[in-house]
Amino acid sequence: MDAHTWDLVDRLRDWLDAESPVTGDIATAMRVLKIGEEFGEVAEALHGVMGTNPRKGESHTWQDVQEELCDVAITTLIALATLTPDAQKVFEAKLQRIADRSLT
């Protein structure tokens, strides 16, 4: 990810900080919990693609799954940026560790 992406993540975090009715550890916890909510939307979309909910049938597309996965990624990056001012460095270091152990 480039600097522009991380700038947008920081701006979104700052916007949430300004608009949130809660602050401190509660705001941080809510941002982490939001990841679970977004994952639930991925699961719902996937069920919709596969038609596994008999009540709803085939209610979603793979495009919907992609969109929901993006929401999970964005929400996760904002939560990480809330936890540390070095979110980009922390993320890139973790990505490199995973690549190093997996791509040998």
PDB file of N, CA and C in Angstrom:
ATOM      1  N   MET A   1       0.838  -1.178   0.000  1.00  0.00           N
ATOM      2  CA  MET A   1       0.000   0.000   0.000  1.00  0.00           C
ATOM      3  C   MET A   1       0.882   1.240   0.000  1.00  0.00           C
ATOM      4  N   ASP A   2       0.417   2.234  -0.658  1.00  0.00           N
ATOM      5  CA  ASP A   2       1.213   3.449  -0.775  1.00  0.00           C
ATOM      6  C   ASP A   2       0.852   4.462   0.314  1.00  0.00           C
ATOM      7  N   ALA A   3       1.589   5.557   0.322  1.00  0.00           N
ATOM      8  CA  ALA A   3       1.403   6.600   1.332  1.00  0.00           C
ATOM      9  C   ALA A   3       0.005   7.215   1.245  1.00  0.00           C
ATOM     10  N   HIS A   4      -0.542   7.306   0.046  1.00  0.00           N
ATOM     11  CA  HIS A   4      -1.885   7.874  -0.116  1.00  0.00           C
ATOM     12  C   HIS A   4      -2.919   7.030   0.623  1.00  0.00           C
ATOM     13  N   THR A   5      -2.802   5.711   0.531  1.00  0.00           N
ATOM     14  CA  THR A   5      -3.731   4.816   1.220  1.00  0.00           C
ATOM     15  C   THR A   5      -3.673   5.052   2.721  1.00  0.00           C
ATOM     16  N   TRP A   6      -2.458   5.112   3.252  1.00  0.00           N
ATOM     17  CA  TRP A   6      -2.309   5.309   4.694  1.00  0.00           C
ATOM     18  C   TRP A   6      -2.769   6.697   5.112  1.00  0.00           C
ATOM     19  N   ASP A   7      -2.605   7.683   4.245  1.00  0.00           N
ATOM     20  CA  ASP A   7      -3.117   9.019   4.545  1.00  0.00           C
ATOM     21  C   ASP A   7      -4.640   8.978   4.663  1.00  0.00           C
ATOM     22  N   LEU A   8      -5.296   8.271   3.754  1.00  0.00           N
ATOM     23  CA  LEU A   8      -6.749   8.141   3.823  1.00  0.00           C
ATOM     24  C   LEU A   8      -7.179   7.397   5.088  1.00  0.00           C
ATOM     25  N   VAL A   9      -6.446   6.342   5.447  1.00  0.00           N
ATOM     26  CA  VAL A   9      -6.744   5.606   6.690  1.00  0.00           C
ATOM     27  C   VAL A   9      -6.658   6.552   7.883  1.00  0.00           C
ATOM     28  N   ASP A  10      -5.589   7.345   7.929  1.00  0.00           N
ATOM     29  CA  ASP A  10      -5.425   8.297   9.035  1.00  0.00           C
ATOM     30  C   ASP A  10      -6.537   9.337   9.055  1.00  0.00           C
ATOM     31  N   ARG A  11      -6.926   9.816   7.895  1.00  0.00           N
ATOM     32  CA  ARG A  11      -8.003  10.811   7.825  1.00  0.00           C
ATOM     33  C   ARG A  11      -9.335  10.224   8.274  1.00  0.00           C
ATOM     34  N   LEU A  12      -9.591   8.978   7.889  1.00  0.00           N
ATOM     35  CA  LEU A  12     -10.816   8.319   8.330  1.00  0.00           C
ATOM     36  C   LEU A  12     -10.795   8.083   9.842  1.00  0.00           C
ATOM     37  N   ARG A  13      -9.657   7.692  10.375  1.00  0.00           N
ATOM     38  CA  ARG A  13      -9.518   7.523  11.829  1.00  0.00           C
ATOM     39  C   ARG A  13      -9.781   8.845  12.537  1.00  0.00           C
ATOM     40  N   ASP A  14      -9.186   9.925  12.026  1.00  0.00           N
ATOM     41  CA  ASP A  14      -9.384  11.247  12.631  1.00  0.00           C
ATOM     42  C   ASP A  14     -10.855  11.666  12.568  1.00  0.00           C
ATOM     43  N   TRP A  15     -11.504  11.379  11.443  1.00  0.00           N
ATOM     44  CA  TRP A  15     -12.925  11.685  11.313  1.00  0.00           C
ATOM     45  C   TRP A  15     -13.741  10.911  12.348  1.00  0.00           C
ATOM     46  N   LEU A  16     -13.431   9.619  12.501  1.00  0.00           N
ATOM     47  CA  LEU A  16     -14.134   8.817  13.505  1.00  0.00           C
ATOM     48  C   LEU A  16     -13.882   9.363  14.907  1.00  0.00           C
ATOM     49  N   ASP A  17     -12.642   9.756  15.176  1.00  0.00           N
ATOM     50  CA  ASP A  17     -12.325  10.336  16.486  1.00  0.00           C
ATOM     51  C   ASP A  17     -13.193  11.562  16.761  1.00  0.00           C
ATOM     52  N   ALA A  18     -13.367  12.390  15.750  1.00  0.00           N
ATOM     53  CA  ALA A  18     -14.131  13.622  15.919  1.00  0.00           C
ATOM     54  C   ALA A  18     -15.635  13.367  16.032  1.00  0.00           C
ATOM     55  N   GLU A  19     -16.134  12.351  15.359  1.00  0.00           N
ATOM     56  CA  GLU A  19     -17.577  12.110  15.291  1.00  0.00           C
ATOM     57  C   GLU A  19     -18.104  11.080  16.279  1.00  0.00           C
ATOM     58  N   SER A  20     -17.218  10.297  16.873  1.00  0.00           N
ATOM     59  CA  SER A  20     -17.653   9.210  17.751  1.00  0.00           C
ATOM     60  C   SER A  20     -18.207   9.742  19.065  1.00  0.00           C
ATOM     61  N   PRO A  21     -19.287   9.149  19.551  1.00  0.00           N
ATOM     62  CA  PRO A  21     -19.826   9.560  20.846  1.00  0.00           C
ATOM     63  C   PRO A  21     -19.033   8.993  22.026  1.00  0.00           C
ATOM     64  N   VAL A  22     -18.100   8.098  21.748  1.00  0.00           N
ATOM     65  CA  VAL A  22     -17.264   7.511  22.798  1.00  0.00           C
ATOM     66  C   VAL A  22     -15.800   7.805  22.497  1.00  0.00           C
ATOM     67  N   THR A  23     -14.971   7.743  23.527  1.00  0.00           N
ATOM     68  CA  THR A  23     -13.553   8.045  23.374  1.00  0.00           C
ATOM     69  C   THR A  23     -12.712   6.989  24.090  1.00  0.00           C
ATOM     70  N   GLY A  24     -11.407   7.131  23.943  1.00  0.00           N
ATOM     71  CA  GLY A  24     -10.467   6.297  24.674  1.00  0.00           C
ATOM     72  C   GLY A  24     -10.573   4.822  24.356  1.00  0.00           C
ATOM     73  N   ASP A  25     -10.416   4.007  25.398  1.00  0.00           N
ATOM     74  CA  ASP A  25     -10.421   2.554  25.220  1.00  0.00           C
ATOM     75  C   ASP A  25     -11.746   2.036  24.672  1.00  0.00           C
ATOM     76  N   ILE A  26     -12.838   2.698  25.011  1.00  0.00           N
ATOM     77  CA  ILE A  26     -14.133   2.244  24.493  1.00  0.00           C
ATOM     78  C   ILE A  26     -14.191   2.451  22.983  1.00  0.00           C
ATOM     79  N   ALA A  27     -13.733   3.594  22.510  1.00  0.00           N
ATOM     80  CA  ALA A  27     -13.717   3.845  21.064  1.00  0.00           C
ATOM     81  C   ALA A  27     -12.817   2.834  20.361  1.00  0.00           C
ATOM     82  N   THR A  28     -11.660   2.555  20.961  1.00  0.00           N
ATOM     83  CA  THR A  28     -10.742   1.576  20.376  1.00  0.00           C
ATOM     84  C   THR A  28     -11.398   0.207  20.316  1.00  0.00           C
ATOM     85  N   ALA A  29     -12.018  -0.206  21.406  1.00  0.00           N
ATOM     86  CA  ALA A  29     -12.676  -1.517  21.439  1.00  0.00           C
ATOM     87  C   ALA A  29     -13.788  -1.597  20.402  1.00  0.00           C
ATOM     88  N   MET A  30     -14.560  -0.524  20.253  1.00  0.00           N
ATOM     89  CA  MET A  30     -15.654  -0.525  19.276  1.00  0.00           C
ATOM     90  C   MET A  30     -15.118  -0.666  17.847  1.00  0.00           C
ATOM     91  N   ARG A  31     -13.967  -0.062  17.586  1.00  0.00           N
ATOM     92  CA  ARG A  31     -13.379  -0.178  16.239  1.00  0.00           C
ATOM     93  C   ARG A  31     -12.900  -1.593  15.972  1.00  0.00           C
ATOM     94  N   VAL A  32     -12.363  -2.243  16.979  1.00  0.00           N
ATOM     95  CA  VAL A  32     -11.940  -3.640  16.808  1.00  0.00           C
ATOM     96  C   VAL A  32     -13.173  -4.526  16.631  1.00  0.00           C
ATOM     97  N   LEU A  33     -14.205  -4.310  17.433  1.00  0.00           N
ATOM     98  CA  LEU A  33     -15.433  -5.092  17.294  1.00  0.00           C
ATOM     99  C   LEU A  33     -16.095  -4.889  15.938  1.00  0.00           C
ATOM    100  N   LYS A  34     -15.941  -3.707  15.368  1.00  0.00           N
ATOM    101  CA  LYS A  34     -16.528  -3.412  14.054  1.00  0.00           C
ATOM    102  C   LYS A  34     -16.000  -4.375  12.992  1.00  0.00           C
ATOM    103  N   ILE A  35     -14.769  -4.857  13.169  1.00  0.00           N
ATOM    104  CA  ILE A  35     -14.217  -5.840  12.229  1.00  0.00           C
ATOM    105  C   ILE A  35     -15.105  -7.077  12.191  1.00  0.00           C
ATOM    106  N   GLY A  36     -15.554  -7.521  13.367  1.00  0.00           N
ATOM    107  CA  GLY A  36     -16.442  -8.682  13.430  1.00  0.00           C
ATOM    108  C   GLY A  36     -17.762  -8.437  12.722  1.00  0.00           C
ATOM    109  N   GLU A  37     -18.304  -7.245  12.888  1.00  0.00           N
ATOM    110  CA  GLU A  37     -19.537  -6.894  12.200  1.00  0.00           C
ATOM    111  C   GLU A  37     -19.347  -6.947  10.688  1.00  0.00           C
ATOM    112  N   GLU A  38     -18.243  -6.377  10.224  1.00  0.00           N
ATOM    113  CA  GLU A  38     -17.977  -6.376   8.775  1.00  0.00           C
ATOM    114  C   GLU A  38     -17.750  -7.795   8.263  1.00  0.00           C
ATOM    115  N   PHE A  39     -17.064  -8.633   9.052  1.00  0.00           N
ATOM    116  CA  PHE A  39     -16.881 -10.029   8.645  1.00  0.00           C
ATOM    117  C   PHE A  39     -18.226 -10.732   8.511  1.00  0.00           C
ATOM    118  N   GLY A  40     -19.147 -10.422   9.420  1.00  0.00           N
ATOM    119  CA  GLY A  40     -20.485 -11.004   9.321  1.00  0.00           C
ATOM    120  C   GLY A  40     -21.153 -10.660   8.004  1.00  0.00           C
ATOM    121  N   GLU A  41     -20.892  -9.453   7.512  1.00  0.00           N
ATOM    122  CA  GLU A  41     -21.463  -9.052   6.227  1.00  0.00           C
ATOM    123  C   GLU A  41     -20.804  -9.810   5.074  1.00  0.00           C
ATOM    124  N   VAL A  42     -19.523 -10.144   5.212  1.00  0.00           N
ATOM    125  CA  VAL A  42     -18.869 -10.995   4.213  1.00  0.00           C
ATOM    126  C   VAL A  42     -19.534 -12.370   4.211  1.00  0.00           C
ATOM    127  N   ALA A  43     -19.732 -12.921   5.401  1.00  0.00           N
ATOM    128  CA  ALA A  43     -20.352 -14.241   5.513  1.00  0.00           C
ATOM    129  C   ALA A  43     -21.755 -14.239   4.910  1.00  0.00           C
ATOM    130  N   GLU A  44     -22.518 -13.192   5.184  1.00  0.00           N
ATOM    131  CA  GLU A  44     -23.863 -13.091   4.620  1.00  0.00           C
ATOM    132  C   GLU A  44     -23.813 -13.042   3.091  1.00  0.00           C
ATOM    133  N   ALA A  45     -22.892 -12.255   2.553  1.00  0.00           N
ATOM    134  CA  ALA A  45     -22.763 -12.163   1.094  1.00  0.00           C
ATOM    135  C   ALA A  45     -22.349 -13.499   0.502  1.00  0.00           C
ATOM    136  N   LEU A  46     -21.451 -14.195   1.164  1.00  0.00           N
ATOM    137  CA  LEU A  46     -21.010 -15.499   0.661  1.00  0.00           C
ATOM    138  C   LEU A  46     -22.159 -16.502   0.686  1.00  0.00           C
ATOM    139  N   HIS A  47     -22.918 -16.506   1.776  1.00  0.00           N
ATOM    140  CA  HIS A  47     -24.116 -17.361   1.806  1.00  0.00           C
ATOM    141  C   HIS A  47     -25.045 -16.998   0.654  1.00  0.00           C
ATOM    142  N   GLY A  48     -25.158 -15.695   0.374  1.00  0.00           N
ATOM    143  CA  GLY A  48     -26.020 -15.249  -0.718  1.00  0.00           C
ATOM    144  C   GLY A  48     -25.533 -15.704  -2.080  1.00  0.00           C
ATOM    145  N   VAL A  49     -24.220 -15.710  -2.272  1.00  0.00           N
ATOM    146  CA  VAL A  49     -23.652 -16.195  -3.538  1.00  0.00           C
ATOM    147  C   VAL A  49     -23.915 -17.689  -3.696  1.00  0.00           C
ATOM    148  N   MET A  50     -23.751 -18.424  -2.608  1.00  0.00           N
ATOM    149  CA  MET A  50     -23.888 -19.879  -2.659  1.00  0.00           C
ATOM    150  C   MET A  50     -25.352 -20.336  -2.573  1.00  0.00           C
ATOM    151  N   GLY A  51     -26.234 -19.406  -2.212  1.00  0.00           N
ATOM    152  CA  GLY A  51     -27.647 -19.761  -2.098  1.00  0.00           C
ATOM    153  C   GLY A  51     -27.938 -20.696  -0.944  1.00  0.00           C
ATOM    154  N   THR A  52     -27.141 -20.626   0.128  1.00  0.00           N
ATOM    155  CA  THR A  52     -27.273 -21.584   1.222  1.00  0.00           C
ATOM    156  C   THR A  52     -28.315 -21.195   2.267  1.00  0.00           C
ATOM    157  N   ASN A  53     -28.873 -20.001   2.168  1.00  0.00           N
ATOM    158  CA  ASN A  53     -29.952 -19.609   3.069  1.00  0.00           C
ATOM    159  C   ASN A  53     -31.259 -19.849   2.323  1.00  0.00           C
ATOM    160  N   PRO A  54     -32.006 -20.895   2.713  1.00  0.00           N
ATOM    161  CA  PRO A  54     -33.220 -21.235   1.965  1.00  0.00           C
ATOM    162  C   PRO A  54     -34.250 -20.108   1.928  1.00  0.00           C
ATOM    163  N   ARG A  55     -34.239 -19.253   2.920  1.00  0.00           N
ATOM    164  CA  ARG A  55     -35.194 -18.154   2.971  1.00  0.00           C
ATOM    165  C   ARG A  55     -34.850 -17.068   1.957  1.00  0.00           C
ATOM    166  N   LYS A  56     -33.538 -16.878   1.676  1.00  0.00           N
ATOM    167  CA  LYS A  56     -33.107 -15.792   0.792  1.00  0.00           C
ATOM    168  C   LYS A  56     -32.673 -16.275  -0.590  1.00  0.00           C
ATOM    169  N   GLY A  57     -32.244 -17.528  -0.679  1.00  0.00           N
ATOM    170  CA  GLY A  57     -31.761 -18.038  -1.965  1.00  0.00           C
ATOM    171  C   GLY A  57     -30.487 -17.330  -2.398  1.00  0.00           C
ATOM    172  N   GLU A  58     -30.300 -17.212  -3.709  1.00  0.00           N
ATOM    173  CA  GLU A  58     -29.113 -16.546  -4.256  1.00  0.00           C
ATOM    174  C   GLU A  58     -29.367 -15.039  -4.248  1.00  0.00           C
ATOM    175  N   SER A  59     -28.903 -14.397  -3.181  1.00  0.00           N
ATOM    176  CA  SER A  59     -29.229 -12.993  -2.950  1.00  0.00           C
ATOM    177  C   SER A  59     -28.058 -12.037  -3.168  1.00  0.00           C
ATOM    178  N   HIS A  60     -26.854 -12.571  -3.410  1.00  0.00           N
ATOM    179  CA  HIS A  60     -25.663 -11.725  -3.553  1.00  0.00           C
ATOM    180  C   HIS A  60     -24.827 -12.193  -4.740  1.00  0.00           C
ATOM    181  N   THR A  61     -23.858 -11.370  -5.093  1.00  0.00           N
ATOM    182  CA  THR A  61     -22.924 -11.691  -6.177  1.00  0.00           C
ATOM    183  C   THR A  61     -21.504 -11.729  -5.612  1.00  0.00           C
ATOM    184  N   TRP A  62     -20.582 -12.213  -6.432  1.00  0.00           N
ATOM    185  CA  TRP A  62     -19.176 -12.188  -6.023  1.00  0.00           C
ATOM    186  C   TRP A  62     -18.687 -10.748  -5.862  1.00  0.00           C
ATOM    187  N   GLN A  63     -19.263  -9.838  -6.614  1.00  0.00           N
ATOM    188  CA  GLN A  63     -18.933  -8.419  -6.447  1.00  0.00           C
ATOM    189  C   GLN A  63     -19.306  -7.949  -5.041  1.00  0.00           C
ATOM    190  N   ASP A  64     -20.442  -8.416  -4.542  1.00  0.00           N
ATOM    191  CA  ASP A  64     -20.842  -8.075  -3.169  1.00  0.00           C
ATOM    192  C   ASP A  64     -19.818  -8.605  -2.159  1.00  0.00           C
ATOM    193  N   VAL A  65     -19.340  -9.818  -2.381  1.00  0.00           N
ATOM    194  CA  VAL A  65     -18.329 -10.392  -1.488  1.00  0.00           C
ATOM    195  C   VAL A  65     -17.058  -9.543  -1.526  1.00  0.00           C
ATOM    196  N   GLN A  66     -16.641  -9.150  -2.720  1.00  0.00           N
ATOM    197  CA  GLN A  66     -15.456  -8.293  -2.845  1.00  0.00           C
ATOM    198  C   GLN A  66     -15.630  -6.994  -2.076  1.00  0.00           C
ATOM    199  N   GLU A  67     -16.780  -6.365  -2.231  1.00  0.00           N
ATOM    200  CA  GLU A  67     -17.047  -5.097  -1.541  1.00  0.00           C
ATOM    201  C   GLU A  67     -16.985  -5.278  -0.027  1.00  0.00           C
ATOM    202  N   GLU A  68     -17.585  -6.348   0.454  1.00  0.00           N
ATOM    203  CA  GLU A  68     -17.590  -6.593   1.903  1.00  0.00           C
ATOM    204  C   GLU A  68     -16.186  -6.922   2.417  1.00  0.00           C
ATOM    205  N   LEU A  69     -15.396  -7.638   1.626  1.00  0.00           N
ATOM    206  CA  LEU A  69     -14.007  -7.901   2.021  1.00  0.00           C
ATOM    207  C   LEU A  69     -13.212  -6.601   2.115  1.00  0.00           C
ATOM    208  N   CYS A  70     -13.470  -5.689   1.192  1.00  0.00           N
ATOM    209  CA  CYS A  70     -12.813  -4.374   1.270  1.00  0.00           C
ATOM    210  C   CYS A  70     -13.203  -3.654   2.552  1.00  0.00           C
ATOM    211  N   ASP A  71     -14.475  -3.748   2.935  1.00  0.00           N
ATOM    212  CA  ASP A  71     -14.910  -3.120   4.182  1.00  0.00           C
ATOM    213  C   ASP A  71     -14.161  -3.707   5.380  1.00  0.00           C
ATOM    214  N   VAL A  72     -13.952  -5.028   5.374  1.00  0.00           N
ATOM    215  CA  VAL A  72     -13.191  -5.667   6.456  1.00  0.00           C
ATOM    216  C   VAL A  72     -11.765  -5.123   6.484  1.00  0.00           C
ATOM    217  N   ALA A  73     -11.133  -5.045   5.317  1.00  0.00           N
ATOM    218  CA  ALA A  73      -9.753  -4.567   5.247  1.00  0.00           C
ATOM    219  C   ALA A  73      -9.640  -3.124   5.723  1.00  0.00           C
ATOM    220  N   ILE A  74     -10.528  -2.274   5.266  1.00  0.00           N
ATOM    221  CA  ILE A  74     -10.492  -0.857   5.642  1.00  0.00           C
ATOM    222  C   ILE A  74     -10.746  -0.704   7.136  1.00  0.00           C
ATOM    223  N   THR A  75     -11.739  -1.397   7.636  1.00  0.00           N
ATOM    224  CA  THR A  75     -12.053  -1.335   9.061  1.00  0.00           C
ATOM    225  C   THR A  75     -10.880  -1.816   9.902  1.00  0.00           C
ATOM    226  N   THR A  76     -10.212  -2.861   9.445  1.00  0.00           N
ATOM    227  CA  THR A  76      -9.055  -3.395  10.160  1.00  0.00           C
ATOM    228  C   THR A  76      -7.908  -2.394  10.166  1.00  0.00           C
ATOM    229  N   LEU A  77      -7.640  -1.772   9.038  1.00  0.00           N
ATOM    230  CA  LEU A  77      -6.559  -0.784   8.981  1.00  0.00           C
ATOM    231  C   LEU A  77      -6.852   0.419   9.869  1.00  0.00           C
ATOM    232  N   ILE A  78      -8.106   0.847   9.907  1.00  0.00           N
ATOM    233  CA  ILE A  78      -8.466   1.964  10.783  1.00  0.00           C
ATOM    234  C   ILE A  78      -8.304   1.560  12.246  1.00  0.00           C
ATOM    235  N   ALA A  79      -8.708   0.351  12.592  1.00  0.00           N
ATOM    236  CA  ALA A  79      -8.521  -0.123  13.970  1.00  0.00           C
ATOM    237  C   ALA A  79      -7.037  -0.180  14.325  1.00  0.00           C
ATOM    238  N   LEU A  80      -6.215  -0.658  13.398  1.00  0.00           N
ATOM    239  CA  LEU A  80      -4.769  -0.709  13.635  1.00  0.00           C
ATOM    240  C   LEU A  80      -4.212   0.699  13.817  1.00  0.00           C
ATOM    241  N   ALA A  81      -4.650   1.629  12.990  1.00  0.00           N
ATOM    242  CA  ALA A  81      -4.191   3.019  13.100  1.00  0.00           C
ATOM    243  C   ALA A  81      -4.668   3.663  14.399  1.00  0.00           C
ATOM    244  N   THR A  82      -5.757   3.171  14.942  1.00  0.00           N
ATOM    245  CA  THR A  82      -6.236   3.656  16.235  1.00  0.00           C
ATOM    246  C   THR A  82      -5.340   3.155  17.365  1.00  0.00           C
ATOM    247  N   LEU A  83      -4.831   1.939  17.207  1.00  0.00           N
ATOM    248  CA  LEU A  83      -3.994   1.334  18.248  1.00  0.00           C
ATOM    249  C   LEU A  83      -2.564   1.855  18.266  1.00  0.00           C
ATOM    250  N   THR A  84      -2.059   2.251  17.096  1.00  0.00           N
ATOM    251  CA  THR A  84      -0.660   2.677  17.023  1.00  0.00           C
ATOM    252  C   THR A  84      -0.468   3.769  15.978  1.00  0.00           C
ATOM    253  N   PRO A  85       0.357   4.760  16.284  1.00  0.00           N
ATOM    254  CA  PRO A  85       0.664   5.769  15.267  1.00  0.00           C
ATOM    255  C   PRO A  85       1.577   5.213  14.172  1.00  0.00           C
ATOM    256  N   ASP A  86       2.131   4.035  14.396  1.00  0.00           N
ATOM    257  CA  ASP A  86       3.015   3.395  13.419  1.00  0.00           C
ATOM    258  C   ASP A  86       2.311   2.272  12.667  1.00  0.00           C
ATOM    259  N   ALA A  87       1.035   2.455  12.368  1.00  0.00           N
ATOM    260  CA  ALA A  87       0.248   1.394  11.749  1.00  0.00           C
ATOM    261  C   ALA A  87       0.873   0.875  10.459  1.00  0.00           C
ATOM    262  N   GLN A  88       1.339   1.765   9.604  1.00  0.00           N
ATOM    263  CA  GLN A  88       1.935   1.332   8.343  1.00  0.00           C
ATOM    264  C   GLN A  88       3.157   0.466   8.603  1.00  0.00           C
ATOM    265  N   LYS A  89       4.009   0.887   9.501  1.00  0.00           N
ATOM    266  CA  LYS A  89       5.223   0.137   9.829  1.00  0.00           C
ATOM    267  C   LYS A  89       4.876  -1.225  10.443  1.00  0.00           C
ATOM    268  N   VAL A  90       3.915  -1.247  11.352  1.00  0.00           N
ATOM    269  CA  VAL A  90       3.497  -2.496  11.994  1.00  0.00           C
ATOM    270  C   VAL A  90       2.921  -3.452  10.952  1.00  0.00           C
ATOM    271  N   PHE A  91       2.056  -2.937  10.089  1.00  0.00           N
ATOM    272  CA  PHE A  91       1.435  -3.772   9.060  1.00  0.00           C
ATOM    273  C   PHE A  91       2.478  -4.329   8.094  1.00  0.00           C
ATOM    274  N   GLU A  92       3.351  -3.459   7.602  1.00  0.00           N
ATOM    275  CA  GLU A  92       4.349  -3.905   6.630  1.00  0.00           C
ATOM    276  C   GLU A  92       5.320  -4.906   7.232  1.00  0.00           C
ATOM    277  N   ALA A  93       5.688  -4.729   8.506  1.00  0.00           N
ATOM    278  CA  ALA A  93       6.581  -5.684   9.173  1.00  0.00           C
ATOM    279  C   ALA A  93       5.904  -7.045   9.304  1.00  0.00           C
ATOM    280  N   LYS A  94       4.630  -7.052   9.667  1.00  0.00           N
ATOM    281  CA  LYS A  94       3.895  -8.318   9.789  1.00  0.00           C
ATOM    282  C   LYS A  94       3.742  -8.987   8.437  1.00  0.00           C
ATOM    283  N   LEU A  95       3.401  -8.222   7.420  1.00  0.00           N
ATOM    284  CA  LEU A  95       3.285  -8.767   6.071  1.00  0.00           C
ATOM    285  C   LEU A  95       4.601  -9.387   5.624  1.00  0.00           C
ATOM    286  N   GLN A  96       5.709  -8.715   5.908  1.00  0.00           N
ATOM    287  CA  GLN A  96       7.021  -9.244   5.531  1.00  0.00           C
ATOM    288  C   GLN A  96       7.330 -10.542   6.275  1.00  0.00           C
ATOM    289  N   ARG A  97       7.003 -10.601   7.580  1.00  0.00           N
ATOM    290  CA  ARG A  97       7.240 -11.835   8.346  1.00  0.00           C
ATOM    291  C   ARG A  97       6.445 -13.001   7.754  1.00  0.00           C
ATOM    292  N   ILE A  98       5.195 -12.748   7.387  1.00  0.00           N
ATOM    293  CA  ILE A  98       4.387 -13.803   6.791  1.00  0.00           C
ATOM    294  C   ILE A  98       4.961 -14.224   5.444  1.00  0.00           C
ATOM    295  N   ALA A  99       5.362 -13.252   4.630  1.00  0.00           N
ATOM    296  CA  ALA A  99       5.970 -13.566   3.335  1.00  0.00           C
ATOM    297  C   ALA A  99       7.255 -14.352   3.504  1.00  0.00           C
ATOM    298  N   ASP A 100       8.079 -13.940   4.462  1.00  0.00           N
ATOM    299  CA  ASP A 100       9.367 -14.611   4.685  1.00  0.00           C
ATOM    300  C   ASP A 100       9.170 -16.088   5.067  1.00  0.00           C
ATOM    301  N   ARG A 101       8.201 -16.367   5.886  1.00  0.00           N
ATOM    302  CA  ARG A 101       8.007 -17.761   6.317  1.00  0.00           C
ATOM    303  C   ARG A 101       7.219 -18.575   5.292  1.00  0.00           C
ATOM    304  N   SER A 102       6.429 -17.908   4.460  1.00  0.00           N
ATOM    305  CA  SER A 102       5.574 -18.629   3.525  1.00  0.00           C
ATOM    306  C   SER A 102       6.172 -18.773   2.137  1.00  0.00           C
ATOM    307  N   LEU A 103       6.966 -17.801   1.732  1.00  0.00           N
ATOM    308  CA  LEU A 103       7.470 -17.763   0.360  1.00  0.00           C
ATOM    309  C   LEU A 103       8.929 -18.188   0.265  1.00  0.00           C
ATOM    310  N   THR A 104       9.313 -19.094   1.116  1.00  0.00           N
ATOM    311  CA  THR A 104      10.719 -19.552   1.099  1.00  0.00           C
ATOM    312  C   THR A 104      10.934 -20.646   0.098  1.00  0.00           C
TER     313      THR A 104
END
